[in-house]
Amino acid sequence: MCVPVDDSAMLCWLQTQLRVIEAWQEELSSRPDADLHQLERLARHYNWLTEELSRLSPYRQAA
């Protein structure tokens, strides 16, 4: 499925996903029984999504 990158609602949704991942990371980090592998996977996904949003932002500003 192709979604236009200039859709501000899509970018807003992706930014919301970053906030959800942040909250999830904080919650997991505070648990003594936290799975470190899960935290690492979340961190990798968060970093990837952050990079993708940075890459998409110039397209939004150019529109």
N, C-alpha and C. Protein backbone atom coordinates (compact mmCIF):
# COMPACT_ATOMS: atom_id res chain seq x y z
N MET A 1 0.84 -1.18 0.00
CA MET A 1 0.00 0.00 0.00
C MET A 1 0.88 1.24 0.00
N CYS A 2 0.63 2.16 -0.88
CA CYS A 2 1.38 3.42 -0.94
C CYS A 2 0.57 4.51 -0.26
N VAL A 3 1.27 5.25 0.57
CA VAL A 3 0.63 6.38 1.25
C VAL A 3 1.47 7.61 0.94
N PRO A 4 0.85 8.70 0.54
CA PRO A 4 1.64 9.90 0.23
C PRO A 4 2.36 10.42 1.47
N VAL A 5 3.65 10.77 1.32
CA VAL A 5 4.42 11.22 2.47
C VAL A 5 4.06 12.63 2.91
N ASP A 6 3.32 13.35 2.09
CA ASP A 6 2.94 14.70 2.48
C ASP A 6 1.66 14.72 3.31
N ASP A 7 1.16 13.58 3.66
CA ASP A 7 -0.05 13.49 4.47
C ASP A 7 0.33 13.78 5.92
N SER A 8 -0.06 14.92 6.43
CA SER A 8 0.32 15.32 7.78
C SER A 8 -0.29 14.39 8.83
N ALA A 9 -1.44 13.80 8.55
CA ALA A 9 -2.05 12.88 9.51
C ALA A 9 -1.19 11.63 9.67
N MET A 10 -0.59 11.16 8.57
CA MET A 10 0.27 9.98 8.65
C MET A 10 1.52 10.30 9.48
N LEU A 11 2.13 11.44 9.24
CA LEU A 11 3.32 11.81 10.00
C LEU A 11 2.99 12.00 11.47
N CYS A 12 1.85 12.57 11.75
CA CYS A 12 1.41 12.73 13.13
C CYS A 12 1.23 11.36 13.79
N TRP A 13 0.64 10.42 13.06
CA TRP A 13 0.44 9.07 13.58
C TRP A 13 1.78 8.42 13.88
N LEU A 14 2.74 8.58 12.98
CA LEU A 14 4.07 8.00 13.21
C LEU A 14 4.75 8.62 14.42
N GLN A 15 4.60 9.93 14.61
CA GLN A 15 5.16 10.59 15.78
C GLN A 15 4.49 10.09 17.06
N THR A 16 3.20 9.80 16.98
CA THR A 16 2.50 9.23 18.12
C THR A 16 3.06 7.85 18.44
N GLN A 17 3.40 7.09 17.40
CA GLN A 17 3.99 5.77 17.63
C GLN A 17 5.32 5.89 18.38
N LEU A 18 6.08 6.92 18.09
CA LEU A 18 7.33 7.14 18.84
C LEU A 18 7.04 7.36 20.32
N ARG A 19 6.03 8.16 20.60
CA ARG A 19 5.68 8.41 22.01
C ARG A 19 5.20 7.14 22.71
N VAL A 20 4.47 6.30 21.99
CA VAL A 20 4.01 5.03 22.55
C VAL A 20 5.20 4.14 22.86
N ILE A 21 6.16 4.07 21.93
CA ILE A 21 7.36 3.26 22.16
C ILE A 21 8.15 3.80 23.35
N GLU A 22 8.26 5.12 23.46
CA GLU A 22 8.95 5.72 24.61
C GLU A 22 8.30 5.29 25.92
N ALA A 23 6.98 5.37 25.97
CA ALA A 23 6.27 4.99 27.20
C ALA A 23 6.47 3.50 27.49
N TRP A 24 6.43 2.69 26.45
CA TRP A 24 6.63 1.26 26.60
C TRP A 24 8.03 0.96 27.13
N GLN A 25 9.03 1.66 26.58
CA GLN A 25 10.41 1.48 27.04
C GLN A 25 10.55 1.87 28.51
N GLU A 26 9.96 2.98 28.89
CA GLU A 26 10.02 3.43 30.28
C GLU A 26 9.37 2.41 31.21
N GLU A 27 8.21 1.90 30.79
CA GLU A 27 7.51 0.92 31.62
C GLU A 27 8.34 -0.34 31.77
N LEU A 28 8.89 -0.83 30.67
CA LEU A 28 9.70 -2.05 30.74
C LEU A 28 10.96 -1.84 31.55
N SER A 29 11.59 -0.68 31.39
CA SER A 29 12.83 -0.39 32.12
C SER A 29 12.62 -0.36 33.62
N SER A 30 11.44 -0.01 34.05
CA SER A 30 11.18 0.10 35.48
C SER A 30 10.86 -1.25 36.13
N ARG A 31 10.67 -2.27 35.32
CA ARG A 31 10.33 -3.59 35.86
C ARG A 31 11.59 -4.40 36.14
N PRO A 32 11.68 -4.98 37.31
CA PRO A 32 12.86 -5.80 37.63
C PRO A 32 12.97 -7.05 36.78
N ASP A 33 11.86 -7.53 36.24
CA ASP A 33 11.86 -8.74 35.42
C ASP A 33 11.88 -8.43 33.92
N ALA A 34 12.31 -7.22 33.56
CA ALA A 34 12.30 -6.80 32.16
C ALA A 34 13.21 -7.69 31.32
N ASP A 35 12.73 -7.98 30.13
CA ASP A 35 13.49 -8.76 29.16
C ASP A 35 14.41 -7.80 28.40
N LEU A 36 15.72 -7.93 28.61
CA LEU A 36 16.67 -7.03 27.99
C LEU A 36 16.65 -7.12 26.47
N HIS A 37 16.40 -8.30 25.94
CA HIS A 37 16.31 -8.45 24.49
C HIS A 37 15.12 -7.67 23.93
N GLN A 38 14.02 -7.67 24.65
CA GLN A 38 12.86 -6.91 24.21
C GLN A 38 13.17 -5.41 24.26
N LEU A 39 13.85 -4.98 25.30
CA LEU A 39 14.23 -3.56 25.38
C LEU A 39 15.15 -3.17 24.22
N GLU A 40 16.07 -4.05 23.87
CA GLU A 40 16.98 -3.78 22.76
C GLU A 40 16.21 -3.71 21.44
N ARG A 41 15.26 -4.61 21.25
CA ARG A 41 14.45 -4.58 20.03
C ARG A 41 13.62 -3.30 19.95
N LEU A 42 13.06 -2.90 21.07
CA LEU A 42 12.29 -1.65 21.09
C LEU A 42 13.18 -0.47 20.75
N ALA A 43 14.38 -0.46 21.31
CA ALA A 43 15.32 0.63 21.04
C ALA A 43 15.69 0.68 19.56
N ARG A 44 15.93 -0.48 18.96
CA ARG A 44 16.25 -0.52 17.53
C ARG A 44 15.07 -0.02 16.70
N HIS A 45 13.86 -0.43 17.05
CA HIS A 45 12.68 0.02 16.31
C HIS A 45 12.48 1.52 16.48
N TYR A 46 12.65 2.00 17.69
CA TYR A 46 12.52 3.43 17.97
C TYR A 46 13.52 4.22 17.12
N ASN A 47 14.77 3.77 17.11
CA ASN A 47 15.81 4.45 16.33
C ASN A 47 15.49 4.43 14.84
N TRP A 48 15.01 3.29 14.35
CA TRP A 48 14.64 3.17 12.95
C TRP A 48 13.51 4.13 12.60
N LEU A 49 12.48 4.16 13.44
CA LEU A 49 11.33 5.01 13.18
C LEU A 49 11.73 6.49 13.25
N THR A 50 12.60 6.83 14.18
CA THR A 50 13.10 8.20 14.29
C THR A 50 13.81 8.61 13.00
N GLU A 51 14.65 7.72 12.48
CA GLU A 51 15.36 8.01 11.23
C GLU A 51 14.39 8.14 10.06
N GLU A 52 13.39 7.27 10.01
CA GLU A 52 12.41 7.35 8.93
C GLU A 52 11.63 8.66 8.98
N LEU A 53 11.24 9.09 10.17
CA LEU A 53 10.53 10.36 10.29
C LEU A 53 11.41 11.52 9.86
N SER A 54 12.69 11.47 10.22
CA SER A 54 13.61 12.52 9.79
C SER A 54 13.73 12.54 8.27
N ARG A 55 13.76 11.36 7.68
CA ARG A 55 13.87 11.25 6.22
C ARG A 55 12.60 11.77 5.54
N LEU A 56 11.44 11.52 6.14
CA LEU A 56 10.18 11.93 5.54
C LEU A 56 9.89 13.41 5.76
N SER A 57 10.40 14.00 6.80
CA SER A 57 10.09 15.40 7.13
C SER A 57 10.42 16.38 6.03
N PRO A 58 11.57 16.26 5.32
CA PRO A 58 11.83 17.21 4.23
C PRO A 58 10.77 17.16 3.14
N TYR A 59 10.22 15.99 2.87
CA TYR A 59 9.16 15.89 1.86
C TYR A 59 7.92 16.65 2.29
N ARG A 60 7.65 16.61 3.57
CA ARG A 60 6.47 17.32 4.08
C ARG A 60 6.69 18.82 3.98
N GLN A 61 7.90 19.30 4.31
CA GLN A 61 8.18 20.73 4.29
C GLN A 61 8.21 21.28 2.86
N ALA A 62 8.59 20.43 1.91
CA ALA A 62 8.67 20.86 0.51
C ALA A 62 7.29 21.01 -0.13
N ALA A 63 6.30 20.33 0.44
CA ALA A 63 4.96 20.36 -0.17
C ALA A 63 4.24 21.66 0.09
